[in-house]
Amino acid sequence: MSGFSKREDAFENKFAFDAEKRFKAEARRDKLLAQWVGERAKMTPEQIAQYAAELIGHDLKKPGDTDVLEKIVADLHARGVTVSQTEVRDEMTRCIRIASEQTAKDG
């Protein structure tokens, strides 16, 4: 039984570690996305930082990326910036790749 318990504990620890890494990568992705949105919407650095916090909080409300994608498109359109969902999705993909690499380097 103790061998099974050790294996179960190892799986639980790995799951928790992976979930933490994923959370950190997604939060970093949202910060990168906020920077991208800020450049297009001509936001100040303070507005970008506030928008990053807003995106991170929004991302935590629902699983998946669709809500973040829709929020970015709507927010840019509200500021008069034309952007397609495909363009935002491509940027999200680029940002998560960068964020995952950075998170992996952090240990």
PDB file of N, CA and C in Angstrom:
ATOM      1  N   MET A   1       0.796  -1.191   0.000  1.00  0.00           N
ATOM      2  CA  MET A   1       0.000   0.000   0.000  1.00  0.00           C
ATOM      3  C   MET A   1       0.847   1.267   0.000  1.00  0.00           C
ATOM      4  N   SER A   2       1.974   1.258   0.695  1.00  0.00           N
ATOM      5  CA  SER A   2       2.781   2.467   0.792  1.00  0.00           C
ATOM      6  C   SER A   2       3.362   2.852  -0.565  1.00  0.00           C
ATOM      7  N   GLY A   3       3.658   1.868  -1.412  1.00  0.00           N
ATOM      8  CA  GLY A   3       4.141   2.163  -2.760  1.00  0.00           C
ATOM      9  C   GLY A   3       3.077   2.875  -3.576  1.00  0.00           C
ATOM     10  N   PHE A   4       1.839   2.417  -3.415  1.00  0.00           N
ATOM     11  CA  PHE A   4       0.724   3.057  -4.119  1.00  0.00           C
ATOM     12  C   PHE A   4       0.527   4.484  -3.609  1.00  0.00           C
ATOM     13  N   SER A   5       0.621   4.671  -2.296  1.00  0.00           N
ATOM     14  CA  SER A   5       0.456   6.007  -1.700  1.00  0.00           C
ATOM     15  C   SER A   5       1.534   6.965  -2.185  1.00  0.00           C
ATOM     16  N   LYS A   6       2.757   6.470  -2.277  1.00  0.00           N
ATOM     17  CA  LYS A   6       3.853   7.316  -2.773  1.00  0.00           C
ATOM     18  C   LYS A   6       3.620   7.714  -4.219  1.00  0.00           C
ATOM     19  N   ARG A   7       3.167   6.772  -5.024  1.00  0.00           N
ATOM     20  CA  ARG A   7       2.887   7.055  -6.433  1.00  0.00           C
ATOM     21  C   ARG A   7       1.751   8.074  -6.548  1.00  0.00           C
ATOM     22  N   GLU A   8       0.707   7.878  -5.731  1.00  0.00           N
ATOM     23  CA  GLU A   8      -0.426   8.810  -5.744  1.00  0.00           C
ATOM     24  C   GLU A   8       0.028  10.213  -5.335  1.00  0.00           C
ATOM     25  N   ASP A   9       0.851  10.312  -4.311  1.00  0.00           N
ATOM     26  CA  ASP A   9       1.378  11.603  -3.867  1.00  0.00           C
ATOM     27  C   ASP A   9       2.216  12.253  -4.963  1.00  0.00           C
ATOM     28  N   ALA A  10       3.008  11.465  -5.661  1.00  0.00           N
ATOM     29  CA  ALA A  10       3.839  11.998  -6.744  1.00  0.00           C
ATOM     30  C   ALA A  10       2.967  12.562  -7.858  1.00  0.00           C
ATOM     31  N   PHE A  11       1.901  11.857  -8.219  1.00  0.00           N
ATOM     32  CA  PHE A  11       0.992  12.356  -9.256  1.00  0.00           C
ATOM     33  C   PHE A  11       0.302  13.646  -8.810  1.00  0.00           C
ATOM     34  N   GLU A  12      -0.125  13.694  -7.559  1.00  0.00           N
ATOM     35  CA  GLU A  12      -0.775  14.898  -7.040  1.00  0.00           C
ATOM     36  C   GLU A  12       0.188  16.076  -7.026  1.00  0.00           C
ATOM     37  N   ASN A  13       1.430  15.837  -6.625  1.00  0.00           N
ATOM     38  CA  ASN A  13       2.435  16.896  -6.611  1.00  0.00           C
ATOM     39  C   ASN A  13       2.727  17.405  -8.022  1.00  0.00           C
ATOM     40  N   LYS A  14       2.813  16.479  -8.981  1.00  0.00           N
ATOM     41  CA  LYS A  14       3.067  16.870 -10.369  1.00  0.00           C
ATOM     42  C   LYS A  14       1.897  17.677 -10.908  1.00  0.00           C
ATOM     43  N   PHE A  15       0.674  17.255 -10.602  1.00  0.00           N
ATOM     44  CA  PHE A  15      -0.507  17.984 -11.053  1.00  0.00           C
ATOM     45  C   PHE A  15      -0.495  19.407 -10.497  1.00  0.00           C
ATOM     46  N   ALA A  16      -0.192  19.556  -9.219  1.00  0.00           N
ATOM     47  CA  ALA A  16      -0.151  20.877  -8.586  1.00  0.00           C
ATOM     48  C   ALA A  16       0.957  21.732  -9.191  1.00  0.00           C
ATOM     49  N   PHE A  17       2.104  21.136  -9.437  1.00  0.00           N
ATOM     50  CA  PHE A  17       3.232  21.852 -10.045  1.00  0.00           C
ATOM     51  C   PHE A  17       2.861  22.326 -11.445  1.00  0.00           C
ATOM     52  N   ASP A  18       2.266  21.444 -12.252  1.00  0.00           N
ATOM     53  CA  ASP A  18       1.863  21.795 -13.613  1.00  0.00           C
ATOM     54  C   ASP A  18       0.797  22.883 -13.617  1.00  0.00           C
ATOM     55  N   ALA A  19      -0.150  22.810 -12.695  1.00  0.00           N
ATOM     56  CA  ALA A  19      -1.207  23.819 -12.608  1.00  0.00           C
ATOM     57  C   ALA A  19      -0.620  25.182 -12.241  1.00  0.00           C
ATOM     58  N   GLU A  20       0.336  25.195 -11.343  1.00  0.00           N
ATOM     59  CA  GLU A  20       0.983  26.454 -10.949  1.00  0.00           C
ATOM     60  C   GLU A  20       1.757  27.048 -12.119  1.00  0.00           C
ATOM     61  N   LYS A  21       2.479  26.205 -12.846  1.00  0.00           N
ATOM     62  CA  LYS A  21       3.233  26.674 -14.018  1.00  0.00           C
ATOM     63  C   LYS A  21       2.292  27.250 -15.076  1.00  0.00           C
ATOM     64  N   ARG A  22       1.180  26.558 -15.295  1.00  0.00           N
ATOM     65  CA  ARG A  22       0.199  27.006 -16.289  1.00  0.00           C
ATOM     66  C   ARG A  22      -0.385  28.363 -15.877  1.00  0.00           C
ATOM     67  N   PHE A  23      -0.719  28.503 -14.591  1.00  0.00           N
ATOM     68  CA  PHE A  23      -1.256  29.764 -14.088  1.00  0.00           C
ATOM     69  C   PHE A  23      -0.250  30.904 -14.292  1.00  0.00           C
ATOM     70  N   LYS A  24       0.992  30.667 -13.938  1.00  0.00           N
ATOM     71  CA  LYS A  24       2.025  31.695 -14.095  1.00  0.00           C
ATOM     72  C   LYS A  24       2.220  32.063 -15.560  1.00  0.00           C
ATOM     73  N   ALA A  25       2.229  31.065 -16.441  1.00  0.00           N
ATOM     74  CA  ALA A  25       2.401  31.324 -17.871  1.00  0.00           C
ATOM     75  C   ALA A  25       1.216  32.120 -18.419  1.00  0.00           C
ATOM     76  N   GLU A  26       0.009  31.782 -18.013  1.00  0.00           N
ATOM     77  CA  GLU A  26      -1.166  32.498 -18.499  1.00  0.00           C
ATOM     78  C   GLU A  26      -1.200  33.932 -17.970  1.00  0.00           C
ATOM     79  N   ALA A  27      -0.807  34.143 -16.729  1.00  0.00           N
ATOM     80  CA  ALA A  27      -0.748  35.501 -16.178  1.00  0.00           C
ATOM     81  C   ALA A  27       0.302  36.324 -16.920  1.00  0.00           C
ATOM     82  N   ARG A  28       1.436  35.719 -17.216  1.00  0.00           N
ATOM     83  CA  ARG A  28       2.477  36.420 -17.965  1.00  0.00           C
ATOM     84  C   ARG A  28       2.014  36.693 -19.396  1.00  0.00           C
ATOM     85  N   ARG A  29       1.294  35.725 -19.979  1.00  0.00           N
ATOM     86  CA  ARG A  29       0.722  35.930 -21.316  1.00  0.00           C
ATOM     87  C   ARG A  29      -0.217  37.133 -21.308  1.00  0.00           C
ATOM     88  N   ASP A  30      -1.043  37.229 -20.284  1.00  0.00           N
ATOM     89  CA  ASP A  30      -1.989  38.338 -20.202  1.00  0.00           C
ATOM     90  C   ASP A  30      -1.269  39.680 -20.083  1.00  0.00           C
ATOM     91  N   LYS A  31      -0.147  39.707 -19.392  1.00  0.00           N
ATOM     92  CA  LYS A  31       0.646  40.941 -19.301  1.00  0.00           C
ATOM     93  C   LYS A  31       1.219  41.307 -20.669  1.00  0.00           C
ATOM     94  N   LEU A  32       1.700  40.308 -21.393  1.00  0.00           N
ATOM     95  CA  LEU A  32       2.216  40.560 -22.740  1.00  0.00           C
ATOM     96  C   LEU A  32       1.100  41.027 -23.674  1.00  0.00           C
ATOM     97  N   LEU A  33      -0.065  40.421 -23.543  1.00  0.00           N
ATOM     98  CA  LEU A  33      -1.212  40.839 -24.356  1.00  0.00           C
ATOM     99  C   LEU A  33      -1.620  42.270 -24.029  1.00  0.00           C
ATOM    100  N   ALA A  34      -1.591  42.626 -22.766  1.00  0.00           N
ATOM    101  CA  ALA A  34      -1.932  43.993 -22.368  1.00  0.00           C
ATOM    102  C   ALA A  34      -0.970  44.985 -23.004  1.00  0.00           C
ATOM    103  N   GLN A  35       0.294  44.624 -23.075  1.00  0.00           N
ATOM    104  CA  GLN A  35       1.289  45.478 -23.726  1.00  0.00           C
ATOM    105  C   GLN A  35       0.949  45.647 -25.206  1.00  0.00           C
ATOM    106  N   TRP A  36       0.598  44.553 -25.857  1.00  0.00           N
ATOM    107  CA  TRP A  36       0.228  44.561 -27.276  1.00  0.00           C
ATOM    108  C   TRP A  36      -1.009  45.429 -27.502  1.00  0.00           C
ATOM    109  N   VAL A  37      -2.030  45.245 -26.663  1.00  0.00           N
ATOM    110  CA  VAL A  37      -3.255  46.048 -26.753  1.00  0.00           C
ATOM    111  C   VAL A  37      -2.918  47.515 -26.495  1.00  0.00           C
ATOM    112  N   GLY A  38      -2.123  47.764 -25.487  1.00  0.00           N
ATOM    113  CA  GLY A  38      -1.754  49.132 -25.127  1.00  0.00           C
ATOM    114  C   GLY A  38      -1.053  49.877 -26.240  1.00  0.00           C
ATOM    115  N   GLU A  39      -0.193  49.190 -26.954  1.00  0.00           N
ATOM    116  CA  GLU A  39       0.498  49.818 -28.080  1.00  0.00           C
ATOM    117  C   GLU A  39      -0.494  50.216 -29.172  1.00  0.00           C
ATOM    118  N   ARG A  40      -1.447  49.350 -29.459  1.00  0.00           N
ATOM    119  CA  ARG A  40      -2.445  49.634 -30.493  1.00  0.00           C
ATOM    120  C   ARG A  40      -3.437  50.712 -30.076  1.00  0.00           C
ATOM    121  N   ALA A  41      -3.777  50.728 -28.791  1.00  0.00           N
ATOM    122  CA  ALA A  41      -4.769  51.669 -28.279  1.00  0.00           C
ATOM    123  C   ALA A  41      -4.134  52.946 -27.728  1.00  0.00           C
ATOM    124  N   LYS A  42      -2.810  53.044 -27.861  1.00  0.00           N
ATOM    125  CA  LYS A  42      -2.073  54.218 -27.397  1.00  0.00           C
ATOM    126  C   LYS A  42      -2.322  54.517 -25.911  1.00  0.00           C
ATOM    127  N   MET A  43      -2.198  53.464 -25.111  1.00  0.00           N
ATOM    128  CA  MET A  43      -2.367  53.585 -23.664  1.00  0.00           C
ATOM    129  C   MET A  43      -1.073  54.050 -23.024  1.00  0.00           C
ATOM    130  N   THR A  44      -1.199  54.683 -21.877  1.00  0.00           N
ATOM    131  CA  THR A  44      -0.031  55.055 -21.085  1.00  0.00           C
ATOM    132  C   THR A  44       0.481  53.798 -20.372  1.00  0.00           C
ATOM    133  N   PRO A  45       1.718  53.830 -19.878  1.00  0.00           N
ATOM    134  CA  PRO A  45       2.224  52.673 -19.121  1.00  0.00           C
ATOM    135  C   PRO A  45       1.328  52.319 -17.923  1.00  0.00           C
ATOM    136  N   GLU A  46       0.766  53.322 -17.268  1.00  0.00           N
ATOM    137  CA  GLU A  46      -0.116  53.069 -16.130  1.00  0.00           C
ATOM    138  C   GLU A  46      -1.398  52.371 -16.590  1.00  0.00           C
ATOM    139  N   GLN A  47      -1.945  52.815 -17.715  1.00  0.00           N
ATOM    140  CA  GLN A  47      -3.154  52.187 -18.258  1.00  0.00           C
ATOM    141  C   GLN A  47      -2.877  50.747 -18.681  1.00  0.00           C
ATOM    142  N   ILE A  48      -1.697  50.511 -19.231  1.00  0.00           N
ATOM    143  CA  ILE A  48      -1.324  49.150 -19.633  1.00  0.00           C
ATOM    144  C   ILE A  48      -1.233  48.247 -18.414  1.00  0.00           C
ATOM    145  N   ALA A  49      -0.605  48.741 -17.348  1.00  0.00           N
ATOM    146  CA  ALA A  49      -0.493  47.943 -16.113  1.00  0.00           C
ATOM    147  C   ALA A  49      -1.874  47.643 -15.545  1.00  0.00           C
ATOM    148  N   GLN A  50      -2.765  48.626 -15.557  1.00  0.00           N
ATOM    149  CA  GLN A  50      -4.123  48.420 -15.079  1.00  0.00           C
ATOM    150  C   GLN A  50      -4.866  47.428 -15.966  1.00  0.00           C
ATOM    151  N   TYR A  51      -4.672  47.535 -17.274  1.00  0.00           N
ATOM    152  CA  TYR A  51      -5.331  46.622 -18.204  1.00  0.00           C
ATOM    153  C   TYR A  51      -4.807  45.191 -18.022  1.00  0.00           C
ATOM    154  N   ALA A  52      -3.527  45.049 -17.753  1.00  0.00           N
ATOM    155  CA  ALA A  52      -2.955  43.719 -17.512  1.00  0.00           C
ATOM    156  C   ALA A  52      -3.620  43.070 -16.305  1.00  0.00           C
ATOM    157  N   ALA A  53      -3.779  43.830 -15.229  1.00  0.00           N
ATOM    158  CA  ALA A  53      -4.443  43.297 -14.031  1.00  0.00           C
ATOM    159  C   ALA A  53      -5.893  42.932 -14.344  1.00  0.00           C
ATOM    160  N   GLU A  54      -6.538  43.756 -15.152  1.00  0.00           N
ATOM    161  CA  GLU A  54      -7.919  43.495 -15.550  1.00  0.00           C
ATOM    162  C   GLU A  54      -8.018  42.204 -16.373  1.00  0.00           C
ATOM    163  N   LEU A  55      -7.079  42.016 -17.304  1.00  0.00           N
ATOM    164  CA  LEU A  55      -7.080  40.799 -18.125  1.00  0.00           C
ATOM    165  C   LEU A  55      -6.851  39.552 -17.275  1.00  0.00           C
ATOM    166  N   ILE A  56      -5.902  39.631 -16.357  1.00  0.00           N
ATOM    167  CA  ILE A  56      -5.610  38.485 -15.491  1.00  0.00           C
ATOM    168  C   ILE A  56      -6.851  38.127 -14.678  1.00  0.00           C
ATOM    169  N   GLY A  57      -7.499  39.122 -14.106  1.00  0.00           N
ATOM    170  CA  GLY A  57      -8.716  38.872 -13.338  1.00  0.00           C
ATOM    171  C   GLY A  57      -9.835  38.312 -14.200  1.00  0.00           C
ATOM    172  N   HIS A  58      -9.956  38.840 -15.404  1.00  0.00           N
ATOM    173  CA  HIS A  58     -10.990  38.361 -16.329  1.00  0.00           C
ATOM    174  C   HIS A  58     -10.722  36.913 -16.720  1.00  0.00           C
ATOM    175  N   ASP A  59      -9.459  36.589 -16.928  1.00  0.00           N
ATOM    176  CA  ASP A  59      -9.065  35.237 -17.334  1.00  0.00           C
ATOM    177  C   ASP A  59      -9.402  34.205 -16.262  1.00  0.00           C
ATOM    178  N   LEU A  60      -9.398  34.609 -15.009  1.00  0.00           N
ATOM    179  CA  LEU A  60      -9.676  33.680 -13.910  1.00  0.00           C
ATOM    180  C   LEU A  60     -11.157  33.345 -13.775  1.00  0.00           C
ATOM    181  N   LYS A  61     -12.024  34.155 -14.370  1.00  0.00           N
ATOM    182  CA  LYS A  61     -13.462  33.964 -14.200  1.00  0.00           C
ATOM    183  C   LYS A  61     -14.005  32.746 -14.931  1.00  0.00           C
ATOM    184  N   LYS A  62     -13.484  32.463 -16.121  1.00  0.00           N
ATOM    185  CA  LYS A  62     -13.986  31.350 -16.932  1.00  0.00           C
ATOM    186  C   LYS A  62     -12.815  30.536 -17.451  1.00  0.00           C
ATOM    187  N   PRO A  63     -12.980  29.234 -17.543  1.00  0.00           N
ATOM    188  CA  PRO A  63     -11.917  28.426 -18.140  1.00  0.00           C
ATOM    189  C   PRO A  63     -11.842  28.697 -19.649  1.00  0.00           C
ATOM    190  N   GLY A  64     -10.664  28.535 -20.194  1.00  0.00           N
ATOM    191  CA  GLY A  64     -10.485  28.726 -21.626  1.00  0.00           C
ATOM    192  C   GLY A  64     -10.073  30.155 -21.964  1.00  0.00           C
ATOM    193  N   ASP A  65      -9.788  30.358 -23.230  1.00  0.00           N
ATOM    194  CA  ASP A  65      -9.267  31.641 -23.694  1.00  0.00           C
ATOM    195  C   ASP A  65     -10.285  32.488 -24.435  1.00  0.00           C
ATOM    196  N   THR A  66     -11.436  31.934 -24.739  1.00  0.00           N
ATOM    197  CA  THR A  66     -12.410  32.637 -25.567  1.00  0.00           C
ATOM    198  C   THR A  66     -12.862  33.942 -24.927  1.00  0.00           C
ATOM    199  N   ASP A  67     -13.077  33.936 -23.618  1.00  0.00           N
ATOM    200  CA  ASP A  67     -13.522  35.160 -22.943  1.00  0.00           C
ATOM    201  C   ASP A  67     -12.471  36.258 -23.020  1.00  0.00           C
ATOM    202  N   VAL A  68     -11.198  35.902 -22.920  1.00  0.00           N
ATOM    203  CA  VAL A  68     -10.110  36.881 -23.014  1.00  0.00           C
ATOM    204  C   VAL A  68     -10.035  37.416 -24.446  1.00  0.00           C
ATOM    205  N   LEU A  69     -10.126  36.525 -25.404  1.00  0.00           N
ATOM    206  CA  LEU A  69     -10.114  36.913 -26.809  1.00  0.00           C
ATOM    207  C   LEU A  69     -11.229  37.917 -27.102  1.00  0.00           C
ATOM    208  N   GLU A  70     -12.438  37.589 -26.686  1.00  0.00           N
ATOM    209  CA  GLU A  70     -13.588  38.459 -26.943  1.00  0.00           C
ATOM    210  C   GLU A  70     -13.443  39.805 -26.231  1.00  0.00           C
ATOM    211  N   LYS A  71     -12.893  39.799 -25.020  1.00  0.00           N
ATOM    212  CA  LYS A  71     -12.693  41.042 -24.279  1.00  0.00           C
ATOM    213  C   LYS A  71     -11.703  41.939 -25.005  1.00  0.00           C
ATOM    214  N   ILE A  72     -10.612  41.383 -25.469  1.00  0.00           N
ATOM    215  CA  ILE A  72      -9.601  42.187 -26.162  1.00  0.00           C
ATOM    216  C   ILE A  72     -10.182  42.788 -27.432  1.00  0.00           C
ATOM    217  N   VAL A  73     -10.878  41.988 -28.225  1.00  0.00           N
ATOM    218  CA  VAL A  73     -11.482  42.495 -29.464  1.00  0.00           C
ATOM    219  C   VAL A  73     -12.455  43.619 -29.141  1.00  0.00           C
ATOM    220  N   ALA A  74     -13.328  43.407 -28.157  1.00  0.00           N
ATOM    221  CA  ALA A  74     -14.316  44.422 -27.787  1.00  0.00           C
ATOM    222  C   ALA A  74     -13.648  45.687 -27.257  1.00  0.00           C
ATOM    223  N   ASP A  75     -12.627  45.533 -26.424  1.00  0.00           N
ATOM    224  CA  ASP A  75     -11.940  46.695 -25.858  1.00  0.00           C
ATOM    225  C   ASP A  75     -11.229  47.497 -26.945  1.00  0.00           C
ATOM    226  N   LEU A  76     -10.594  46.811 -27.883  1.00  0.00           N
ATOM    227  CA  LEU A  76      -9.928  47.527 -28.973  1.00  0.00           C
ATOM    228  C   LEU A  76     -10.945  48.219 -29.871  1.00  0.00           C
ATOM    229  N   HIS A  77     -12.020  47.540 -30.184  1.00  0.00           N
ATOM    230  CA  HIS A  77     -13.065  48.162 -31.009  1.00  0.00           C
ATOM    231  C   HIS A  77     -13.638  49.392 -30.310  1.00  0.00           C
ATOM    232  N   ALA A  78     -13.827  49.323 -28.991  1.00  0.00           N
ATOM    233  CA  ALA A  78     -14.346  50.457 -28.229  1.00  0.00           C
ATOM    234  C   ALA A  78     -13.404  51.664 -28.296  1.00  0.00           C
ATOM    235  N   ARG A  79     -12.122  51.402 -28.504  1.00  0.00           N
ATOM    236  CA  ARG A  79     -11.130  52.484 -28.616  1.00  0.00           C
ATOM    237  C   ARG A  79     -10.875  52.872 -30.073  1.00  0.00           C
ATOM    238  N   GLY A  80     -11.682  52.309 -30.977  1.00  0.00           N
ATOM    239  CA  GLY A  80     -11.562  52.670 -32.387  1.00  0.00           C
ATOM    240  C   GLY A  80     -10.472  51.935 -33.141  1.00  0.00           C
ATOM    241  N   VAL A  81      -9.987  50.851 -32.578  1.00  0.00           N
ATOM    242  CA  VAL A  81      -8.928  50.059 -33.219  1.00  0.00           C
ATOM    243  C   VAL A  81      -9.564  48.823 -33.847  1.00  0.00           C
ATOM    244  N   THR A  82      -9.401  48.681 -35.160  1.00  0.00           N
ATOM    245  CA  THR A  82      -9.960  47.536 -35.861  1.00  0.00           C
ATOM    246  C   THR A  82      -8.987  46.371 -35.767  1.00  0.00           C
ATOM    247  N   VAL A  83      -9.485  45.248 -35.285  1.00  0.00           N
ATOM    248  CA  VAL A  83      -8.678  44.040 -35.139  1.00  0.00           C
ATOM    249  C   VAL A  83      -9.605  42.842 -35.305  1.00  0.00           C
ATOM    250  N   SER A  84      -9.091  41.797 -35.907  1.00  0.00           N
ATOM    251  CA  SER A  84      -9.900  40.582 -36.082  1.00  0.00           C
ATOM    252  C   SER A  84      -9.625  39.602 -34.946  1.00  0.00           C
ATOM    253  N   GLN A  85     -10.566  38.683 -34.758  1.00  0.00           N
ATOM    254  CA  GLN A  85     -10.351  37.636 -33.759  1.00  0.00           C
ATOM    255  C   GLN A  85      -9.141  36.790 -34.128  1.00  0.00           C
ATOM    256  N   THR A  86      -8.929  36.573 -35.411  1.00  0.00           N
ATOM    257  CA  THR A  86      -7.777  35.781 -35.857  1.00  0.00           C
ATOM    258  C   THR A  86      -6.473  36.468 -35.470  1.00  0.00           C
ATOM    259  N   GLU A  87      -6.413  37.777 -35.657  1.00  0.00           N
ATOM    260  CA  GLU A  87      -5.205  38.519 -35.302  1.00  0.00           C
ATOM    261  C   GLU A  87      -4.937  38.430 -33.796  1.00  0.00           C
ATOM    262  N   VAL A  88      -5.990  38.565 -33.006  1.00  0.00           N
ATOM    263  CA  VAL A  88      -5.833  38.480 -31.547  1.00  0.00           C
ATOM    264  C   VAL A  88      -5.451  37.059 -31.148  1.00  0.00           C
ATOM    265  N   ARG A  89      -6.073  36.060 -31.744  1.00  0.00           N
ATOM    266  CA  ARG A  89      -5.748  34.656 -31.442  1.00  0.00           C
ATOM    267  C   ARG A  89      -4.273  34.376 -31.764  1.00  0.00           C
ATOM    268  N   ASP A  90      -3.799  34.881 -32.900  1.00  0.00           N
ATOM    269  CA  ASP A  90      -2.388  34.696 -33.266  1.00  0.00           C
ATOM    270  C   ASP A  90      -1.468  35.339 -32.234  1.00  0.00           C
ATOM    271  N   GLU A  91      -1.844  36.522 -31.770  1.00  0.00           N
ATOM    272  CA  GLU A  91      -1.033  37.202 -30.755  1.00  0.00           C
ATOM    273  C   GLU A  91      -1.079  36.448 -29.427  1.00  0.00           C
ATOM    274  N   MET A  92      -2.239  35.899 -29.083  1.00  0.00           N
ATOM    275  CA  MET A  92      -2.346  35.098 -27.866  1.00  0.00           C
ATOM    276  C   MET A  92      -1.430  33.880 -27.944  1.00  0.00           C
ATOM    277  N   THR A  93      -1.386  33.259 -29.101  1.00  0.00           N
ATOM    278  CA  THR A  93      -0.526  32.089 -29.303  1.00  0.00           C
ATOM    279  C   THR A  93       0.942  32.477 -29.154  1.00  0.00           C
ATOM    280  N   ARG A  94       1.315  33.600 -29.765  1.00  0.00           N
ATOM    281  CA  ARG A  94       2.698  34.072 -29.669  1.00  0.00           C
ATOM    282  C   ARG A  94       3.052  34.393 -28.220  1.00  0.00           C
ATOM    283  N   CYS A  95       2.149  35.061 -27.525  1.00  0.00           N
ATOM    284  CA  CYS A  95       2.410  35.462 -26.140  1.00  0.00           C
ATOM    285  C   CYS A  95       2.495  34.273 -25.190  1.00  0.00           C
ATOM    286  N   ILE A  96       1.646  33.270 -25.373  1.00  0.00           N
ATOM    287  CA  ILE A  96       1.719  32.111 -24.469  1.00  0.00           C
ATOM    288  C   ILE A  96       2.998  31.330 -24.713  1.00  0.00           C
ATOM    289  N   ARG A  97       3.463  31.294 -25.956  1.00  0.00           N
ATOM    290  CA  ARG A  97       4.731  30.621 -26.241  1.00  0.00           C
ATOM    291  C   ARG A  97       5.877  31.336 -25.517  1.00  0.00           C
ATOM    292  N   ILE A  98       5.919  32.656 -25.626  1.00  0.00           N
ATOM    293  CA  ILE A  98       6.959  33.434 -24.949  1.00  0.00           C
ATOM    294  C   ILE A  98       6.846  33.280 -23.438  1.00  0.00           C
ATOM    295  N   ALA A  99       5.626  33.405 -22.919  1.00  0.00           N
ATOM    296  CA  ALA A  99       5.412  33.302 -21.472  1.00  0.00           C
ATOM    297  C   ALA A  99       5.794  31.923 -20.941  1.00  0.00           C
ATOM    298  N   SER A 100       5.489  30.877 -21.691  1.00  0.00           N
ATOM    299  CA  SER A 100       5.846  29.516 -21.267  1.00  0.00           C
ATOM    300  C   SER A 100       7.352  29.330 -21.227  1.00  0.00           C
ATOM    301  N   GLU A 101       8.040  29.882 -22.223  1.00  0.00           N
ATOM    302  CA  GLU A 101       9.500  29.801 -22.239  1.00  0.00           C
ATOM    303  C   GLU A 101      10.093  30.553 -21.054  1.00  0.00           C
ATOM    304  N   GLN A 102       9.572  31.744 -20.780  1.00  0.00           N
ATOM    305  CA  GLN A 102      10.067  32.537 -19.651  1.00  0.00           C
ATOM    306  C   GLN A 102       9.794  31.834 -18.320  1.00  0.00           C
ATOM    307  N   THR A 103       8.619  31.271 -18.184  1.00  0.00           N
ATOM    308  CA  THR A 103       8.256  30.570 -16.950  1.00  0.00           C
ATOM    309  C   THR A 103       9.122  29.339 -16.736  1.00  0.00           C
ATOM    310  N   ALA A 104       9.421  28.629 -17.820  1.00  0.00           N
ATOM    311  CA  ALA A 104      10.289  27.446 -17.725  1.00  0.00           C
ATOM    312  C   ALA A 104      11.686  27.822 -17.268  1.00  0.00           C
ATOM    313  N   LYS A 105      12.175  28.970 -17.730  1.00  0.00           N
ATOM    314  CA  LYS A 105      13.509  29.435 -17.331  1.00  0.00           C
ATOM    315  C   LYS A 105      13.550  29.849 -15.860  1.00  0.00           C
ATOM    316  N   ASP A 106      12.401  30.313 -15.365  1.00  0.00           N
ATOM    317  CA  ASP A 106      12.341  30.740 -13.963  1.00  0.00           C
ATOM    318  C   ASP A 106      12.441  29.579 -12.985  1.00  0.00           C
ATOM    319  N   GLY A 107      12.235  28.375 -13.513  1.00  0.00           N
ATOM    320  CA  GLY A 107      12.381  27.190 -12.670  1.00  0.00           C
ATOM    321  C   GLY A 107      11.140  26.747 -12.142  1.00  0.00           C
TER     322      GLY A 107
END
